[in-house]
Amino acid sequence: MAAPIQNPAKSEVRSVIRLLHAKGQRLADIHKEIVSVYRNIMNRQNVTKWCRHFSEGRTDVHDKQRTGQPSVISDVLLQRTEEAIRVN
C-alpha cells in the first residue's frame, strides 16, 4: 500500500470528493477512499456535507471569502518593520 498523502490542501481533498461523487460513488465509499489516501483528514459528516453541496450545484472547492477583522498593519508600519529587519 502506498504511503498516505501528508498535509493536503483542503481544495485537493474536496476535489477528490467532487470527482467520486460525480462518478456516483456512495458516501460511505467516498469516505473510505479519503481515509485510505489521506488518513483522518476529514470525518464522514464533512464528506456528507460536501457531497450535499455538490448535489446542490456547487462547483467551487475553495473556501468562500469571509469577512474578518481588518488588518491592523499599515504600509508605514510594514516599511518600518522591513527596515528594522534589514538593519539587524
PDB file of N, CA and C in Angstrom:
ATOM      1  N   MET A   1       0.835  -1.182   0.000  1.00  0.00           N
ATOM      2  CA  MET A   1       0.000   0.000   0.000  1.00  0.00           C
ATOM      3  C   MET A   1       0.881   1.246   0.000  1.00  0.00           C
ATOM      4  N   ALA A   2       0.490   2.224  -0.747  1.00  0.00           N
ATOM      5  CA  ALA A   2       1.249   3.463  -0.840  1.00  0.00           C
ATOM      6  C   ALA A   2       1.142   4.246   0.468  1.00  0.00           C
ATOM      7  N   ALA A   3       2.119   5.083   0.701  1.00  0.00           N
ATOM      8  CA  ALA A   3       2.113   5.926   1.899  1.00  0.00           C
ATOM      9  C   ALA A   3       1.009   6.970   1.776  1.00  0.00           C
ATOM     10  N   PRO A   4       0.383   7.334   2.892  1.00  0.00           N
ATOM     11  CA  PRO A   4      -0.671   8.348   2.839  1.00  0.00           C
ATOM     12  C   PRO A   4      -0.098   9.707   2.456  1.00  0.00           C
ATOM     13  N   ILE A   5      -0.937  10.512   1.855  1.00  0.00           N
ATOM     14  CA  ILE A   5      -0.536  11.869   1.483  1.00  0.00           C
ATOM     15  C   ILE A   5      -0.622  12.738   2.735  1.00  0.00           C
ATOM     16  N   GLN A   6       0.455  13.422   3.050  1.00  0.00           N
ATOM     17  CA  GLN A   6       0.526  14.261   4.238  1.00  0.00           C
ATOM     18  C   GLN A   6       0.194  15.710   3.895  1.00  0.00           C
ATOM     19  N   ASN A   7      -0.540  16.369   4.753  1.00  0.00           N
ATOM     20  CA  ASN A   7      -0.847  17.800   4.664  1.00  0.00           C
ATOM     21  C   ASN A   7      -1.407  18.231   3.311  1.00  0.00           C
ATOM     22  N   PRO A   8      -2.464  17.602   2.836  1.00  0.00           N
ATOM     23  CA  PRO A   8      -3.034  18.040   1.560  1.00  0.00           C
ATOM     24  C   PRO A   8      -3.795  19.352   1.737  1.00  0.00           C
ATOM     25  N   ALA A   9      -3.922  20.093   0.668  1.00  0.00           N
ATOM     26  CA  ALA A   9      -4.748  21.296   0.695  1.00  0.00           C
ATOM     27  C   ALA A   9      -6.207  20.873   0.825  1.00  0.00           C
ATOM     28  N   LYS A  10      -7.006  21.688   1.494  1.00  0.00           N
ATOM     29  CA  LYS A  10      -8.432  21.384   1.627  1.00  0.00           C
ATOM     30  C   LYS A  10      -9.073  21.216   0.261  1.00  0.00           C
ATOM     31  N   SER A  11      -8.673  22.074  -0.671  1.00  0.00           N
ATOM     32  CA  SER A  11      -9.266  22.012  -2.007  1.00  0.00           C
ATOM     33  C   SER A  11      -8.935  20.701  -2.713  1.00  0.00           C
ATOM     34  N   GLU A  12      -7.785  20.123  -2.410  1.00  0.00           N
ATOM     35  CA  GLU A  12      -7.414  18.836  -3.012  1.00  0.00           C
ATOM     36  C   GLU A  12      -8.367  17.736  -2.562  1.00  0.00           C
ATOM     37  N   VAL A  13      -8.606  17.665  -1.261  1.00  0.00           N
ATOM     38  CA  VAL A  13      -9.493  16.643  -0.719  1.00  0.00           C
ATOM     39  C   VAL A  13     -10.912  16.850  -1.248  1.00  0.00           C
ATOM     40  N   ARG A  14     -11.355  18.096  -1.289  1.00  0.00           N
ATOM     41  CA  ARG A  14     -12.697  18.389  -1.796  1.00  0.00           C
ATOM     42  C   ARG A  14     -12.820  18.045  -3.274  1.00  0.00           C
ATOM     43  N   SER A  15     -11.744  18.223  -4.023  1.00  0.00           N
ATOM     44  CA  SER A  15     -11.760  17.851  -5.443  1.00  0.00           C
ATOM     45  C   SER A  15     -11.929  16.345  -5.613  1.00  0.00           C
ATOM     46  N   VAL A  16     -11.281  15.586  -4.756  1.00  0.00           N
ATOM     47  CA  VAL A  16     -11.433  14.126  -4.806  1.00  0.00           C
ATOM     48  C   VAL A  16     -12.876  13.750  -4.476  1.00  0.00           C
ATOM     49  N   ILE A  17     -13.442  14.381  -3.466  1.00  0.00           N
ATOM     50  CA  ILE A  17     -14.839  14.124  -3.104  1.00  0.00           C
ATOM     51  C   ILE A  17     -15.744  14.467  -4.277  1.00  0.00           C
ATOM     52  N   ARG A  18     -15.495  15.596  -4.908  1.00  0.00           N
ATOM     53  CA  ARG A  18     -16.315  16.017  -6.051  1.00  0.00           C
ATOM     54  C   ARG A  18     -16.238  14.991  -7.181  1.00  0.00           C
ATOM     55  N   LEU A  19     -15.046  14.510  -7.483  1.00  0.00           N
ATOM     56  CA  LEU A  19     -14.863  13.523  -8.542  1.00  0.00           C
ATOM     57  C   LEU A  19     -15.608  12.228  -8.223  1.00  0.00           C
ATOM     58  N   LEU A  20     -15.386  11.705  -7.026  1.00  0.00           N
ATOM     59  CA  LEU A  20     -16.018  10.438  -6.660  1.00  0.00           C
ATOM     60  C   LEU A  20     -17.537  10.573  -6.586  1.00  0.00           C
ATOM     61  N   HIS A  21     -18.009  11.723  -6.115  1.00  0.00           N
ATOM     62  CA  HIS A  21     -19.451  11.985  -6.063  1.00  0.00           C
ATOM     63  C   HIS A  21     -20.030  12.041  -7.476  1.00  0.00           C
ATOM     64  N   ALA A  22     -19.319  12.693  -8.378  1.00  0.00           N
ATOM     65  CA  ALA A  22     -19.776  12.790  -9.769  1.00  0.00           C
ATOM     66  C   ALA A  22     -19.815  11.417 -10.439  1.00  0.00           C
ATOM     67  N   LYS A  23     -18.941  10.523 -10.004  1.00  0.00           N
ATOM     68  CA  LYS A  23     -18.916   9.163 -10.551  1.00  0.00           C
ATOM     69  C   LYS A  23     -20.001   8.280  -9.936  1.00  0.00           C
ATOM     70  N   GLY A  24     -20.738   8.833  -8.982  1.00  0.00           N
ATOM     71  CA  GLY A  24     -21.857   8.106  -8.395  1.00  0.00           C
ATOM     72  C   GLY A  24     -21.510   7.201  -7.231  1.00  0.00           C
ATOM     73  N   GLN A  25     -20.342   7.390  -6.647  1.00  0.00           N
ATOM     74  CA  GLN A  25     -19.965   6.549  -5.504  1.00  0.00           C
ATOM     75  C   GLN A  25     -20.799   6.913  -4.279  1.00  0.00           C
ATOM     76  N   ARG A  26     -21.050   5.929  -3.459  1.00  0.00           N
ATOM     77  CA  ARG A  26     -21.805   6.141  -2.225  1.00  0.00           C
ATOM     78  C   ARG A  26     -20.961   6.930  -1.223  1.00  0.00           C
ATOM     79  N   LEU A  27     -21.648   7.629  -0.311  1.00  0.00           N
ATOM     80  CA  LEU A  27     -20.958   8.447   0.698  1.00  0.00           C
ATOM     81  C   LEU A  27     -19.975   7.627   1.522  1.00  0.00           C
ATOM     82  N   ALA A  28     -20.394   6.454   1.946  1.00  0.00           N
ATOM     83  CA  ALA A  28     -19.511   5.612   2.765  1.00  0.00           C
ATOM     84  C   ALA A  28     -18.258   5.223   1.992  1.00  0.00           C
ATOM     85  N   ASP A  29     -18.414   4.943   0.700  1.00  0.00           N
ATOM     86  CA  ASP A  29     -17.260   4.566  -0.120  1.00  0.00           C
ATOM     87  C   ASP A  29     -16.334   5.753  -0.369  1.00  0.00           C
ATOM     88  N   ILE A  30     -16.926   6.928  -0.538  1.00  0.00           N
ATOM     89  CA  ILE A  30     -16.109   8.135  -0.712  1.00  0.00           C
ATOM     90  C   ILE A  30     -15.274   8.358   0.546  1.00  0.00           C
ATOM     91  N   HIS A  31     -15.904   8.236   1.704  1.00  0.00           N
ATOM     92  CA  HIS A  31     -15.179   8.430   2.955  1.00  0.00           C
ATOM     93  C   HIS A  31     -14.067   7.394   3.100  1.00  0.00           C
ATOM     94  N   LYS A  32     -14.332   6.153   2.742  1.00  0.00           N
ATOM     95  CA  LYS A  32     -13.296   5.112   2.810  1.00  0.00           C
ATOM     96  C   LYS A  32     -12.107   5.462   1.922  1.00  0.00           C
ATOM     97  N   GLU A  33     -12.378   5.964   0.728  1.00  0.00           N
ATOM     98  CA  GLU A  33     -11.299   6.364  -0.186  1.00  0.00           C
ATOM     99  C   GLU A  33     -10.476   7.497   0.415  1.00  0.00           C
ATOM    100  N   ILE A  34     -11.160   8.488   0.961  1.00  0.00           N
ATOM    101  CA  ILE A  34     -10.470   9.632   1.575  1.00  0.00           C
ATOM    102  C   ILE A  34      -9.569   9.138   2.706  1.00  0.00           C
ATOM    103  N   VAL A  35     -10.096   8.277   3.562  1.00  0.00           N
ATOM    104  CA  VAL A  35      -9.322   7.756   4.692  1.00  0.00           C
ATOM    105  C   VAL A  35      -8.143   6.915   4.208  1.00  0.00           C
ATOM    106  N   SER A  36      -8.341   6.147   3.138  1.00  0.00           N
ATOM    107  CA  SER A  36      -7.253   5.285   2.666  1.00  0.00           C
ATOM    108  C   SER A  36      -6.090   6.087   2.094  1.00  0.00           C
ATOM    109  N   VAL A  37      -6.383   7.257   1.559  1.00  0.00           N
ATOM    110  CA  VAL A  37      -5.331   8.071   0.943  1.00  0.00           C
ATOM    111  C   VAL A  37      -4.810   9.150   1.890  1.00  0.00           C
ATOM    112  N   TYR A  38      -5.717   9.796   2.617  1.00  0.00           N
ATOM    113  CA  TYR A  38      -5.342  10.955   3.428  1.00  0.00           C
ATOM    114  C   TYR A  38      -5.399  10.697   4.933  1.00  0.00           C
ATOM    115  N   ARG A  39      -5.731   9.495   5.340  1.00  0.00           N
ATOM    116  CA  ARG A  39      -5.953   9.134   6.737  1.00  0.00           C
ATOM    117  C   ARG A  39      -7.167   9.892   7.265  1.00  0.00           C
ATOM    118  N   ASN A  40      -7.098  10.437   8.454  1.00  0.00           N
ATOM    119  CA  ASN A  40      -8.271  11.057   9.078  1.00  0.00           C
ATOM    120  C   ASN A  40      -8.349  12.554   8.820  1.00  0.00           C
ATOM    121  N   ILE A  41      -8.164  12.942   7.589  1.00  0.00           N
ATOM    122  CA  ILE A  41      -8.177  14.369   7.242  1.00  0.00           C
ATOM    123  C   ILE A  41      -9.590  14.952   7.307  1.00  0.00           C
ATOM    124  N   MET A  42     -10.619  14.107   7.072  1.00  0.00           N
ATOM    125  CA  MET A  42     -11.990  14.600   7.062  1.00  0.00           C
ATOM    126  C   MET A  42     -12.919  13.505   7.585  1.00  0.00           C
ATOM    127  N   ASN A  43     -13.820  13.895   8.479  1.00  0.00           N
ATOM    128  CA  ASN A  43     -14.754  12.906   9.013  1.00  0.00           C
ATOM    129  C   ASN A  43     -15.919  12.680   8.043  1.00  0.00           C
ATOM    130  N   ARG A  44     -16.704  11.667   8.336  1.00  0.00           N
ATOM    131  CA  ARG A  44     -17.791  11.285   7.429  1.00  0.00           C
ATOM    132  C   ARG A  44     -18.842  12.392   7.308  1.00  0.00           C
ATOM    133  N   GLN A  45     -19.099  13.109   8.389  1.00  0.00           N
ATOM    134  CA  GLN A  45     -20.089  14.183   8.349  1.00  0.00           C
ATOM    135  C   GLN A  45     -19.680  15.269   7.359  1.00  0.00           C
ATOM    136  N   ASN A  46     -18.394  15.601   7.317  1.00  0.00           N
ATOM    137  CA  ASN A  46     -17.942  16.625   6.377  1.00  0.00           C
ATOM    138  C   ASN A  46     -17.962  16.125   4.941  1.00  0.00           C
ATOM    139  N   VAL A  47     -17.682  14.841   4.742  1.00  0.00           N
ATOM    140  CA  VAL A  47     -17.809  14.269   3.396  1.00  0.00           C
ATOM    141  C   VAL A  47     -19.264  14.390   2.950  1.00  0.00           C
ATOM    142  N   THR A  48     -20.187  14.066   3.847  1.00  0.00           N
ATOM    143  CA  THR A  48     -21.617  14.180   3.545  1.00  0.00           C
ATOM    144  C   THR A  48     -21.983  15.619   3.207  1.00  0.00           C
ATOM    145  N   LYS A  49     -21.459  16.559   3.994  1.00  0.00           N
ATOM    146  CA  LYS A  49     -21.748  17.983   3.758  1.00  0.00           C
ATOM    147  C   LYS A  49     -21.277  18.406   2.376  1.00  0.00           C
ATOM    148  N   TRP A  50     -20.051  18.005   1.994  1.00  0.00           N
ATOM    149  CA  TRP A  50     -19.519  18.407   0.695  1.00  0.00           C
ATOM    150  C   TRP A  50     -20.257  17.726  -0.451  1.00  0.00           C
ATOM    151  N   CYS A  51     -20.657  16.484  -0.268  1.00  0.00           N
ATOM    152  CA  CYS A  51     -21.459  15.818  -1.304  1.00  0.00           C
ATOM    153  C   CYS A  51     -22.790  16.543  -1.486  1.00  0.00           C
ATOM    154  N   ARG A  52     -23.396  16.975  -0.386  1.00  0.00           N
ATOM    155  CA  ARG A  52     -24.646  17.734  -0.469  1.00  0.00           C
ATOM    156  C   ARG A  52     -24.428  19.043  -1.228  1.00  0.00           C
ATOM    157  N   HIS A  53     -23.340  19.750  -0.922  1.00  0.00           N
ATOM    158  CA  HIS A  53     -23.034  20.994  -1.640  1.00  0.00           C
ATOM    159  C   HIS A  53     -22.922  20.732  -3.140  1.00  0.00           C
ATOM    160  N   PHE A  54     -22.199  19.674  -3.510  1.00  0.00           N
ATOM    161  CA  PHE A  54     -22.015  19.369  -4.928  1.00  0.00           C
ATOM    162  C   PHE A  54     -23.329  18.939  -5.568  1.00  0.00           C
ATOM    163  N   SER A  55     -24.184  18.240  -4.832  1.00  0.00           N
ATOM    164  CA  SER A  55     -25.504  17.856  -5.354  1.00  0.00           C
ATOM    165  C   SER A  55     -26.373  19.080  -5.602  1.00  0.00           C
ATOM    166  N   GLU A  56     -26.171  20.104  -4.788  1.00  0.00           N
ATOM    167  CA  GLU A  56     -26.943  21.342  -4.914  1.00  0.00           C
ATOM    168  C   GLU A  56     -26.384  22.269  -5.985  1.00  0.00           C
ATOM    169  N   GLY A  57     -25.316  21.838  -6.654  1.00  0.00           N
ATOM    170  CA  GLY A  57     -24.786  22.619  -7.763  1.00  0.00           C
ATOM    171  C   GLY A  57     -23.488  23.354  -7.509  1.00  0.00           C
ATOM    172  N   ARG A  58     -22.971  23.275  -6.329  1.00  0.00           N
ATOM    173  CA  ARG A  58     -21.693  23.944  -6.065  1.00  0.00           C
ATOM    174  C   ARG A  58     -20.590  23.269  -6.875  1.00  0.00           C
ATOM    175  N   THR A  59     -19.739  24.086  -7.475  1.00  0.00           N
ATOM    176  CA  THR A  59     -18.622  23.557  -8.250  1.00  0.00           C
ATOM    177  C   THR A  59     -17.282  23.973  -7.672  1.00  0.00           C
ATOM    178  N   ASP A  60     -17.265  25.021  -6.869  1.00  0.00           N
ATOM    179  CA  ASP A  60     -16.019  25.536  -6.303  1.00  0.00           C
ATOM    180  C   ASP A  60     -15.607  24.703  -5.094  1.00  0.00           C
ATOM    181  N   VAL A  61     -14.354  24.316  -5.053  1.00  0.00           N
ATOM    182  CA  VAL A  61     -13.854  23.511  -3.932  1.00  0.00           C
ATOM    183  C   VAL A  61     -13.070  24.345  -2.924  1.00  0.00           C
ATOM    184  N   HIS A  62     -12.972  25.635  -3.169  1.00  0.00           N
ATOM    185  CA  HIS A  62     -12.223  26.522  -2.274  1.00  0.00           C
ATOM    186  C   HIS A  62     -13.163  27.139  -1.251  1.00  0.00           C
ATOM    187  N   ASP A  63     -12.608  27.546  -0.119  1.00  0.00           N
ATOM    188  CA  ASP A  63     -13.401  28.216   0.899  1.00  0.00           C
ATOM    189  C   ASP A  63     -13.953  29.513   0.346  1.00  0.00           C
ATOM    190  N   LYS A  64     -15.156  29.853   0.790  1.00  0.00           N
ATOM    191  CA  LYS A  64     -15.737  31.131   0.395  1.00  0.00           C
ATOM    192  C   LYS A  64     -15.000  32.248   1.132  1.00  0.00           C
ATOM    193  N   GLN A  65     -14.944  33.407   0.498  1.00  0.00           N
ATOM    194  CA  GLN A  65     -14.310  34.567   1.115  1.00  0.00           C
ATOM    195  C   GLN A  65     -15.087  34.941   2.367  1.00  0.00           C
ATOM    196  N   ARG A  66     -14.404  35.171   3.436  1.00  0.00           N
ATOM    197  CA  ARG A  66     -15.045  35.538   4.692  1.00  0.00           C
ATOM    198  C   ARG A  66     -14.626  36.943   5.089  1.00  0.00           C
ATOM    199  N   THR A  67     -15.546  37.612   5.739  1.00  0.00           N
ATOM    200  CA  THR A  67     -15.175  38.902   6.302  1.00  0.00           C
ATOM    201  C   THR A  67     -14.526  38.620   7.642  1.00  0.00           C
ATOM    202  N   GLY A  68     -13.524  39.333   7.927  1.00  0.00           N
ATOM    203  CA  GLY A  68     -12.821  39.115   9.184  1.00  0.00           C
ATOM    204  C   GLY A  68     -12.355  40.435   9.740  1.00  0.00           C
ATOM    205  N   GLN A  69     -11.591  40.346  10.759  1.00  0.00           N
ATOM    206  CA  GLN A  69     -11.050  41.547  11.360  1.00  0.00           C
ATOM    207  C   GLN A  69     -10.086  42.181  10.371  1.00  0.00           C
ATOM    208  N   PRO A  70     -10.236  43.472  10.131  1.00  0.00           N
ATOM    209  CA  PRO A  70      -9.336  44.133   9.190  1.00  0.00           C
ATOM    210  C   PRO A  70      -7.895  44.118   9.688  1.00  0.00           C
ATOM    211  N   SER A  71      -6.995  44.167   8.762  1.00  0.00           N
ATOM    212  CA  SER A  71      -5.578  44.172   9.100  1.00  0.00           C
ATOM    213  C   SER A  71      -5.236  45.442   9.862  1.00  0.00           C
ATOM    214  N   VAL A  72      -4.401  45.295  10.869  1.00  0.00           N
ATOM    215  CA  VAL A  72      -4.023  46.456  11.669  1.00  0.00           C
ATOM    216  C   VAL A  72      -2.663  46.989  11.258  1.00  0.00           C
ATOM    217  N   ILE A  73      -2.058  46.380  10.273  1.00  0.00           N
ATOM    218  CA  ILE A  73      -0.744  46.837   9.837  1.00  0.00           C
ATOM    219  C   ILE A  73      -0.910  47.812   8.666  1.00  0.00           C
ATOM    220  N   SER A  74      -0.251  48.933   8.780  1.00  0.00           N
ATOM    221  CA  SER A  74      -0.304  49.929   7.710  1.00  0.00           C
ATOM    222  C   SER A  74       0.949  49.798   6.850  1.00  0.00           C
ATOM    223  N   ASP A  75       0.935  50.452   5.708  1.00  0.00           N
ATOM    224  CA  ASP A  75       2.112  50.435   4.834  1.00  0.00           C
ATOM    225  C   ASP A  75       3.327  51.037   5.538  1.00  0.00           C
ATOM    226  N   VAL A  76       3.093  52.076   6.339  1.00  0.00           N
ATOM    227  CA  VAL A  76       4.186  52.729   7.057  1.00  0.00           C
ATOM    228  C   VAL A  76       4.782  51.764   8.085  1.00  0.00           C
ATOM    229  N   LEU A  77       3.933  51.095   8.833  1.00  0.00           N
ATOM    230  CA  LEU A  77       4.409  50.146   9.836  1.00  0.00           C
ATOM    231  C   LEU A  77       5.150  48.986   9.172  1.00  0.00           C
ATOM    232  N   LEU A  78       4.653  48.514   8.055  1.00  0.00           N
ATOM    233  CA  LEU A  78       5.317  47.441   7.319  1.00  0.00           C
ATOM    234  C   LEU A  78       6.700  47.888   6.850  1.00  0.00           C
ATOM    235  N   GLN A  79       6.788  49.106   6.332  1.00  0.00           N
ATOM    236  CA  GLN A  79       8.066  49.633   5.855  1.00  0.00           C
ATOM    237  C   GLN A  79       9.058  49.762   7.013  1.00  0.00           C
ATOM    238  N   ARG A  80       8.608  50.266   8.148  1.00  0.00           N
ATOM    239  CA  ARG A  80       9.493  50.406   9.306  1.00  0.00           C
ATOM    240  C   ARG A  80       9.985  49.038   9.784  1.00  0.00           C
ATOM    241  N   THR A  81       9.112  48.067   9.782  1.00  0.00           N
ATOM    242  CA  THR A  81       9.484  46.712  10.207  1.00  0.00           C
ATOM    243  C   THR A  81      10.532  46.129   9.275  1.00  0.00           C
ATOM    244  N   GLU A  82      10.319  46.270   7.975  1.00  0.00           N
ATOM    245  CA  GLU A  82      11.284  45.757   6.999  1.00  0.00           C
ATOM    246  C   GLU A  82      12.641  46.436   7.153  1.00  0.00           C
ATOM    247  N   GLU A  83      12.638  47.757   7.412  1.00  0.00           N
ATOM    248  CA  GLU A  83      13.891  48.480   7.614  1.00  0.00           C
ATOM    249  C   GLU A  83      14.609  47.982   8.869  1.00  0.00           C
ATOM    250  N   ALA A  84      13.854  47.745   9.933  1.00  0.00           N
ATOM    251  CA  ALA A  84      14.456  47.257  11.178  1.00  0.00           C
ATOM    252  C   ALA A  84      15.073  45.874  10.979  1.00  0.00           C
ATOM    253  N   ILE A  85      14.439  45.055  10.189  1.00  0.00           N
ATOM    254  CA  ILE A  85      14.973  43.718   9.908  1.00  0.00           C
ATOM    255  C   ILE A  85      16.268  43.824   9.114  1.00  0.00           C
ATOM    256  N   ARG A  86      16.287  44.703   8.134  1.00  0.00           N
ATOM    257  CA  ARG A  86      17.494  44.871   7.311  1.00  0.00           C
ATOM    258  C   ARG A  86      18.664  45.399   8.129  1.00  0.00           C
ATOM    259  N   VAL A  87      18.400  46.293   9.068  1.00  0.00           N
ATOM    260  CA  VAL A  87      19.449  46.878   9.894  1.00  0.00           C
ATOM    261  C   VAL A  87      20.063  45.808  10.797  1.00  0.00           C
ATOM    262  N   ASN A  88      19.262  44.948  11.322  1.00  0.00           N
ATOM    263  CA  ASN A  88      19.747  43.895  12.231  1.00  0.00           C
ATOM    264  C   ASN A  88      20.197  42.764  11.388  1.00  0.00           C
TER     265      ASN A  88
END
